[in-house]
Amino acid sequence: MLLSLDLYICSRITLPNYIIDHFSWDHTGQNNLTPVMPLSGFKKELLRVLLYLSCCTLHYAVGQDNLLVFEPKVPVVKYGEPLTLVCKTSCTNITLLAWETSLDSNKTTEKNKTTLHIYNVTQFNKAPRCVINCNVNTEPIQQSPKIEIFVYKLSAPVLTMKSKAFAGDNVLITCKVSDSQPSVTLRLKSGNKVHDKKENITSGIIEHTFIASSKHNGMKFTCEAEMKVPGNTITELNSTIFNVFYAPITEVHVHPENISQGDNVTIDCTADSNPPAIYNWTYPLCPNAHIFENSSGIQISKIDSTNNGNYTCRVSNQHGEAICVKEIQLQDEEKGRGGTNVAVIMVVVALVIVVAAILSVAYCKKRT
């Protein structure tokens, strides 16, 4: 209804002329057109122009609403990759619907849509135009809006470092990104730890140095480039696993800690090394002591004093060796009981001597 009235008014200049010649604005504040004294001269001509322009502006705004729809609404594409754009219309009386672009592409048009297939996008700041000529309520309408293509350029960053090192070596890692559009954030990480980062760059490099140790063995280092694009975040990664070779680090543990006669005892030797170490044991040879199948420990069944001595674990690889010694001293029960008896006898003898001395002194005093 509004569109029809608008087209009717704007297509007939005589109606604005009639309004101007016979009516003027009411000054009571009600904003109603009421018959008052007609305008004249310059004011009449000025009002005639303003009224006509407002009608045509309304015609343009209402007549063009929702005529064209783009899919996707915000096209985002990686540099060098293909892209498909669709321009749709709700208008049914179409005389022209087509794409205008200098990009290398293929165009197909159906009843109420036209499709643009761009083979590979290699230009920035390009905006194809969709042109439509359509009749709305017998009035011809033409539109030719552009759609801006957001083109980004991001290659996988380059991570450079030794794939392996020896404990104590100085290690340099470089993380590099180049020729990015728009800007990126560059990060060098190991796990969730960020060692360094640079923001808002199109090209750049991060350098990180450290001294290799056993804690770095098997660590994953990642060079990460992150770019913000409309409605999304694009991330490119480059990672490597770092290997460190080092001599064994070893410890020996005895279970249980407090050993009693007849206990079953385990002596464990743990070693951290790269490559894996070889185990060798030196210990008192007894029938009740056996080395584990993987040589990492000894099992003693019903321990007694014959198992007393030093238990030496020697672990080695091509980068060095480590030695750990554990001493076990368990007192024999019979010997323990014999020693206890001797002590008791000695105490009794000492008491007898003391009592005899006291009695002797008392007797002597009595005679005198």
Protein backbone atom coordinates (compact mmCIF):
# COMPACT_ATOMS: atom_id res chain seq x y z
CA MET A 1 0.00 0.00 0.00
CA LEU A 2 2.76 2.45 0.99
CA LEU A 3 4.84 1.56 -2.04
CA SER A 4 1.88 2.02 -4.41
CA LEU A 5 1.01 5.39 -2.91
CA ASP A 6 4.64 6.49 -3.06
CA LEU A 7 4.98 5.51 -6.71
CA TYR A 8 1.74 7.27 -7.51
CA ILE A 9 2.81 10.52 -5.84
CA CYS A 10 6.35 10.59 -7.23
CA SER A 11 5.24 9.73 -10.75
CA ARG A 12 2.83 12.66 -10.88
CA ILE A 13 4.41 16.00 -10.17
CA THR A 14 0.99 17.66 -10.45
CA LEU A 15 -0.05 16.27 -7.06
CA PRO A 16 2.81 17.93 -5.13
CA ASN A 17 2.03 21.07 -7.07
CA TYR A 18 -1.62 20.84 -6.05
CA ILE A 19 -0.69 20.30 -2.38
CA ILE A 20 1.65 23.28 -2.41
CA ASP A 21 -0.85 25.52 -4.20
CA HIS A 22 -3.81 24.71 -1.93
CA PHE A 23 -2.35 23.66 1.41
CA SER A 24 0.40 24.65 3.82
CA TRP A 25 1.68 23.25 7.10
CA ASP A 26 -0.43 23.93 10.16
CA HIS A 27 1.58 25.84 12.78
CA THR A 28 -0.39 24.49 15.74
CA GLY A 29 2.14 21.70 16.37
CA GLN A 30 -0.16 18.88 15.20
CA ASN A 31 1.83 18.31 11.98
CA ASN A 32 -1.34 18.02 9.93
CA LEU A 33 -1.98 19.38 6.46
CA THR A 34 -4.82 21.83 6.87
CA PRO A 35 -6.22 24.33 4.40
CA VAL A 36 -4.77 27.70 5.38
CA MET A 37 -3.51 30.65 3.45
CA PRO A 38 -1.61 29.46 0.31
CA LEU A 39 2.16 29.97 0.06
CA SER A 40 3.65 32.22 -2.53
CA GLY A 41 6.94 33.14 -4.11
CA PHE A 42 10.26 31.60 -3.02
CA LYS A 43 8.73 29.61 -0.12
CA LYS A 44 6.32 27.88 -2.50
CA GLU A 45 9.08 26.85 -4.88
CA LEU A 46 11.33 25.66 -2.05
CA LEU A 47 8.55 23.56 -0.55
CA ARG A 48 7.77 22.16 -4.01
CA VAL A 49 11.36 20.92 -4.41
CA LEU A 50 11.59 19.49 -0.87
CA LEU A 51 8.31 17.62 -1.17
CA TYR A 52 9.27 16.13 -4.51
CA LEU A 53 12.70 15.00 -3.27
CA SER A 54 11.20 13.43 -0.15
CA CYS A 55 8.75 11.46 -2.27
CA CYS A 56 11.48 10.18 -4.55
CA THR A 57 13.69 9.29 -1.58
CA LEU A 58 10.83 7.28 -0.06
CA HIS A 59 10.29 5.62 -3.41
CA TYR A 60 13.98 4.64 -3.63
CA ALA A 61 14.18 3.34 -0.04
CA VAL A 62 10.96 1.35 -0.05
CA GLY A 63 11.24 0.13 -3.62
CA GLN A 64 14.70 -1.38 -3.12
CA ASP A 65 14.24 -3.13 0.23
CA ASN A 66 15.24 -6.81 0.18
CA LEU A 67 15.53 -7.04 -3.57
CA LEU A 68 18.97 -8.72 -3.45
CA VAL A 69 20.51 -11.11 -0.96
CA PHE A 70 24.12 -12.34 -1.08
CA GLU A 71 25.31 -15.77 0.01
CA PRO A 72 27.54 -15.87 1.92
CA LYS A 73 26.84 -12.49 3.47
CA VAL A 74 30.53 -11.96 4.29
CA PRO A 75 32.65 -14.04 1.90
CA VAL A 76 36.04 -15.07 3.34
CA VAL A 77 38.54 -16.98 1.21
CA LYS A 78 42.20 -17.98 1.42
CA TYR A 79 44.49 -16.50 -1.19
CA GLY A 80 44.65 -18.75 -4.25
CA GLU A 81 41.58 -20.81 -3.41
CA PRO A 82 38.21 -20.90 -5.27
CA LEU A 83 35.08 -19.09 -4.12
CA THR A 84 31.38 -19.32 -5.00
CA LEU A 85 29.04 -16.33 -4.57
CA VAL A 86 25.26 -16.38 -5.00
CA CYS A 87 23.07 -13.34 -5.63
CA LYS A 88 19.35 -13.95 -5.01
CA THR A 89 16.28 -11.80 -5.49
CA SER A 90 12.68 -11.89 -4.32
CA CYS A 91 11.55 -9.98 -7.40
CA THR A 92 9.48 -12.04 -9.85
CA ASN A 93 9.41 -9.70 -12.86
CA ILE A 94 13.14 -9.68 -13.70
CA THR A 95 14.53 -8.23 -16.92
CA LEU A 96 18.22 -8.55 -15.96
CA LEU A 97 20.12 -10.44 -13.26
CA ALA A 98 23.89 -10.78 -13.73
CA TRP A 99 27.34 -10.45 -12.15
CA GLU A 100 29.89 -7.81 -13.14
CA THR A 101 33.51 -8.62 -12.26
CA SER A 102 37.00 -8.68 -13.73
CA LEU A 103 37.91 -11.84 -11.83
CA ASP A 104 38.53 -15.06 -13.75
CA SER A 105 35.21 -16.81 -13.17
CA ASN A 106 32.21 -18.71 -14.50
CA LYS A 107 28.68 -17.30 -14.20
CA THR A 108 25.38 -19.18 -14.19
CA THR A 109 21.90 -17.65 -13.89
CA GLU A 110 18.66 -19.35 -12.95
CA LYS A 111 15.15 -18.01 -12.41
CA ASN A 112 15.78 -15.77 -9.40
CA LYS A 113 19.49 -16.16 -8.67
CA THR A 114 22.84 -15.81 -10.34
CA THR A 115 25.97 -17.69 -9.26
CA LEU A 116 29.57 -16.58 -9.60
CA HIS A 117 32.25 -19.30 -9.51
CA ILE A 118 35.70 -17.72 -9.06
CA TYR A 119 38.40 -20.22 -9.98
CA ASN A 120 41.12 -18.90 -7.67
CA VAL A 121 41.17 -15.63 -5.75
CA THR A 122 44.57 -13.99 -6.16
CA GLN A 123 43.61 -10.32 -5.81
CA PHE A 124 42.86 -8.31 -2.70
CA ASN A 125 40.14 -5.66 -2.26
CA LYS A 126 37.90 -6.99 -5.01
CA ALA A 127 34.13 -6.44 -4.89
CA PRO A 128 32.02 -8.09 -7.62
CA ARG A 129 28.79 -6.31 -8.48
CA CYS A 130 25.37 -7.96 -8.83
CA VAL A 131 23.11 -6.10 -11.27
CA ILE A 132 19.34 -6.45 -11.34
CA ASN A 133 16.67 -4.76 -13.43
CA CYS A 134 13.22 -5.53 -12.10
CA ASN A 135 9.67 -4.20 -12.42
CA VAL A 136 7.91 -3.60 -9.11
CA ASN A 137 4.29 -2.52 -9.42
CA THR A 138 4.95 -1.52 -13.05
CA GLU A 139 7.84 0.67 -11.94
CA PRO A 140 11.32 -0.27 -13.23
CA ILE A 141 13.95 -0.60 -10.47
CA GLN A 142 17.65 -1.06 -11.00
CA GLN A 143 20.20 -2.12 -8.37
CA SER A 144 23.88 -2.92 -8.63
CA PRO A 145 25.33 -3.44 -5.12
CA LYS A 146 28.84 -4.72 -4.54
CA ILE A 147 29.95 -7.45 -2.17
CA GLU A 148 33.41 -7.12 -0.64
CA ILE A 149 35.52 -10.31 -0.66
CA PHE A 150 37.77 -10.74 2.38
CA VAL A 151 40.94 -12.40 1.13
CA TYR A 152 43.55 -13.62 3.62
CA LYS A 153 47.00 -15.01 3.00
CA LEU A 154 48.54 -17.27 5.64
CA SER A 155 51.08 -20.02 5.11
CA ALA A 156 52.22 -22.53 7.71
CA PRO A 157 54.97 -20.97 9.85
CA VAL A 158 58.50 -22.37 9.70
CA LEU A 159 59.97 -24.02 12.82
CA THR A 160 63.72 -24.62 12.76
CA MET A 161 65.62 -26.53 15.45
CA LYS A 162 67.74 -29.63 16.00
CA SER A 163 65.70 -32.79 16.05
CA LYS A 164 68.07 -34.21 18.67
CA ALA A 165 70.76 -32.99 21.06
CA PHE A 166 72.88 -34.18 23.97
CA ALA A 167 72.41 -33.05 27.55
CA GLY A 168 74.34 -29.83 28.05
CA ASP A 169 74.11 -28.68 24.41
CA ASN A 170 73.02 -25.12 23.58
CA VAL A 171 69.85 -25.29 21.47
CA LEU A 172 68.44 -22.53 19.22
CA ILE A 173 64.82 -22.57 18.04
CA THR A 174 63.46 -20.19 15.40
CA CYS A 175 59.78 -19.63 14.63
CA LYS A 176 59.11 -17.64 11.45
CA VAL A 177 56.14 -16.37 9.45
CA SER A 178 56.22 -14.33 6.24
CA ASP A 179 54.00 -12.62 3.64
CA SER A 180 50.77 -12.69 5.65
CA GLN A 181 47.68 -10.59 4.90
CA PRO A 182 46.28 -9.23 7.18
CA SER A 183 48.49 -9.25 10.30
CA VAL A 184 48.97 -12.27 12.57
CA THR A 185 50.04 -13.19 16.10
CA LEU A 186 53.12 -15.45 16.13
CA ARG A 187 53.79 -17.71 19.13
CA LEU A 188 56.48 -20.24 20.10
CA LYS A 189 55.14 -22.81 22.57
CA SER A 190 55.96 -26.07 24.28
CA GLY A 191 52.80 -27.68 25.57
CA ASN A 192 50.68 -24.85 27.03
CA LYS A 193 53.72 -22.72 27.87
CA VAL A 194 54.31 -19.72 25.59
CA HIS A 195 58.04 -18.96 25.39
CA ASP A 196 57.65 -15.82 23.26
CA LYS A 197 55.16 -14.09 20.95
CA LYS A 198 54.87 -11.20 18.47
CA GLU A 199 51.58 -9.48 17.64
CA ASN A 200 50.24 -7.53 14.63
CA ILE A 201 52.94 -8.59 12.18
CA THR A 202 52.82 -9.67 8.54
CA SER A 203 56.36 -11.09 8.66
CA GLY A 204 58.59 -11.85 11.62
CA ILE A 205 60.77 -14.29 13.52
CA ILE A 206 61.07 -15.50 17.14
CA GLU A 207 64.33 -16.92 18.48
CA HIS A 208 64.59 -18.94 21.71
CA THR A 209 67.68 -20.57 23.23
CA PHE A 210 68.09 -23.04 26.11
CA ILE A 211 70.49 -25.69 27.44
CA ALA A 212 69.26 -29.21 26.71
CA SER A 213 68.60 -31.50 29.67
CA SER A 214 66.68 -34.68 30.43
CA LYS A 215 63.48 -32.67 31.12
CA HIS A 216 63.40 -31.55 27.47
CA ASN A 217 63.42 -35.11 26.11
CA GLY A 218 60.18 -35.85 24.24
CA MET A 219 59.02 -32.22 24.51
CA LYS A 220 56.80 -30.92 21.69
CA PHE A 221 57.68 -27.46 20.39
CA THR A 222 55.10 -25.60 18.27
CA CYS A 223 55.34 -22.53 16.05
CA GLU A 224 51.82 -21.04 15.80
CA ALA A 225 50.50 -18.25 13.55
CA GLU A 226 47.00 -16.98 14.38
CA MET A 227 44.92 -14.63 12.20
CA LYS A 228 41.55 -13.01 12.86
CA VAL A 229 39.11 -12.96 9.93
CA PRO A 230 35.41 -11.99 9.91
CA GLY A 231 33.54 -14.52 12.04
CA ASN A 232 36.50 -16.84 12.58
CA THR A 233 40.08 -17.34 13.77
CA ILE A 234 42.51 -19.07 11.40
CA THR A 235 45.47 -20.95 12.92
CA GLU A 236 48.45 -22.53 11.15
CA LEU A 237 50.89 -24.75 13.11
CA ASN A 238 54.27 -26.37 12.70
CA SER A 239 55.47 -28.75 15.43
CA THR A 240 58.36 -31.08 16.19
CA ILE A 241 59.27 -33.53 18.97
CA PHE A 242 62.66 -32.84 20.56
CA ASN A 243 64.96 -35.71 21.58
CA VAL A 244 67.72 -35.35 24.18
CA PHE A 245 70.31 -38.08 24.75
CA TYR A 246 71.75 -38.35 28.26
CA ALA A 247 73.49 -40.70 30.69
CA PRO A 248 71.45 -42.64 33.28
CA ILE A 249 70.15 -41.03 36.45
CA THR A 250 69.45 -43.78 39.00
CA GLU A 251 68.06 -44.47 42.48
CA VAL A 252 67.77 -47.61 44.63
CA HIS A 253 64.85 -48.25 47.01
CA VAL A 254 64.35 -51.08 49.55
CA HIS A 255 60.88 -52.32 50.55
CA PRO A 256 60.00 -52.58 53.36
CA GLU A 257 62.14 -49.84 54.86
CA ASN A 258 62.42 -51.57 58.27
CA ILE A 259 63.53 -55.15 57.65
CA SER A 260 62.99 -58.00 60.11
CA GLN A 261 64.17 -61.61 60.02
CA GLY A 262 62.02 -63.64 57.61
CA ASP A 263 60.63 -60.66 55.61
CA ASN A 264 60.27 -60.79 51.86
CA VAL A 265 62.39 -57.88 50.61
CA THR A 266 62.49 -56.08 47.26
CA ILE A 267 65.41 -53.93 46.12
CA ASP A 268 64.40 -51.72 43.15
CA CYS A 269 66.81 -49.84 40.90
CA THR A 270 65.14 -47.11 38.78
CA ALA A 271 67.00 -45.38 35.95
CA ASP A 272 66.07 -42.45 33.71
CA SER A 273 68.13 -42.37 30.49
CA ASN A 274 68.01 -41.96 26.74
CA PRO A 275 68.60 -44.38 25.15
CA PRO A 276 67.44 -46.97 27.72
CA ALA A 277 70.14 -48.21 30.08
CA ILE A 278 71.52 -51.70 30.72
CA TYR A 279 71.38 -52.99 34.35
CA ASN A 280 74.12 -54.92 36.16
CA TRP A 281 74.03 -56.10 39.79
CA THR A 282 76.68 -57.04 42.33
CA TYR A 283 75.32 -58.59 45.56
CA PRO A 284 75.82 -61.47 48.04
CA LEU A 285 74.92 -64.67 46.20
CA CYS A 286 72.32 -66.58 48.20
CA PRO A 287 69.71 -69.17 47.17
CA ASN A 288 66.85 -66.95 48.33
CA ALA A 289 67.89 -63.90 46.21
CA HIS A 290 66.78 -63.58 42.58
CA ILE A 291 67.18 -60.79 39.96
CA PHE A 292 64.06 -59.57 38.13
CA GLU A 293 63.60 -60.64 34.54
CA ASN A 294 64.26 -57.07 33.33
CA SER A 295 67.25 -56.80 35.71
CA SER A 296 65.84 -53.70 37.38
CA GLY A 297 65.60 -55.21 40.86
CA ILE A 298 66.25 -58.12 43.28
CA GLN A 299 63.72 -60.17 45.23
CA ILE A 300 64.84 -61.76 48.54
CA SER A 301 62.56 -64.40 50.07
CA LYS A 302 62.57 -64.77 53.88
CA ILE A 303 65.64 -62.67 54.43
CA ASP A 304 68.24 -63.66 57.05
CA SER A 305 71.78 -62.63 58.04
CA THR A 306 73.27 -64.55 55.08
CA ASN A 307 71.86 -61.82 52.84
CA ASN A 308 73.86 -59.12 54.60
CA GLY A 309 76.13 -57.01 52.40
CA ASN A 310 76.20 -54.33 49.68
CA TYR A 311 73.75 -54.44 46.80
CA THR A 312 75.24 -52.46 43.92
CA CYS A 313 73.16 -51.41 40.88
CA ARG A 314 75.20 -50.26 37.88
CA VAL A 315 73.27 -48.79 34.91
CA SER A 316 74.90 -47.60 31.71
CA ASN A 317 74.38 -46.50 28.10
CA GLN A 318 76.70 -45.04 25.47
CA HIS A 319 76.56 -41.63 27.17
CA GLY A 320 77.70 -42.74 30.65
CA GLU A 321 76.86 -44.83 33.68
CA ALA A 322 75.52 -44.43 37.20
CA ILE A 323 76.16 -46.58 40.31
CA CYS A 324 73.95 -46.83 43.34
CA VAL A 325 74.72 -48.95 46.48
CA LYS A 326 72.39 -50.11 49.23
CA GLU A 327 73.75 -51.89 52.35
CA ILE A 328 71.73 -54.47 54.24
CA GLN A 329 72.81 -55.59 57.76
CA LEU A 330 70.48 -58.02 59.48
CA GLN A 331 71.61 -59.54 62.86
CA ASP A 332 71.28 -63.36 63.22
CA GLU A 333 68.60 -64.34 65.75
CA GLU A 334 70.68 -67.06 67.51
CA LYS A 335 73.66 -64.79 67.79
CA GLY A 336 71.41 -62.12 69.05
CA ARG A 337 70.01 -64.39 71.74
CA GLY A 338 73.56 -65.58 72.70
CA GLY A 339 74.73 -62.02 73.05
CA THR A 340 71.74 -61.24 75.21
CA ASN A 341 72.51 -64.19 77.55
CA VAL A 342 76.13 -63.12 78.01
CA ALA A 343 75.01 -59.63 78.88
CA VAL A 344 72.57 -60.95 81.47
CA ILE A 345 75.27 -63.16 83.06
CA MET A 346 77.66 -60.26 83.24
CA VAL A 347 75.06 -58.12 84.94
CA VAL A 348 74.32 -60.87 87.48
CA VAL A 349 78.03 -61.38 88.24
CA ALA A 350 78.48 -57.65 88.71
CA LEU A 351 75.56 -57.56 91.12
CA VAL A 352 76.95 -60.52 93.09
CA ILE A 353 80.32 -58.79 93.40
CA VAL A 354 78.70 -55.58 94.59
CA VAL A 355 76.57 -57.41 97.15
CA ALA A 356 79.58 -59.40 98.38
CA ALA A 357 81.62 -56.24 98.76
CA ILE A 358 78.86 -54.59 100.76
CA LEU A 359 78.50 -57.60 103.06
CA SER A 360 82.29 -57.81 103.57
CA VAL A 361 82.48 -54.16 104.58
CA ALA A 362 79.58 -54.59 106.97
CA TYR A 363 81.20 -57.68 108.60
CA CYS A 364 84.49 -55.87 109.10
CA LYS A 365 82.83 -52.98 110.85
CA LYS A 366 80.97 -55.34 113.14
CA ARG A 367 84.20 -57.07 114.37
CA THR A 368 85.81 -53.78 115.13
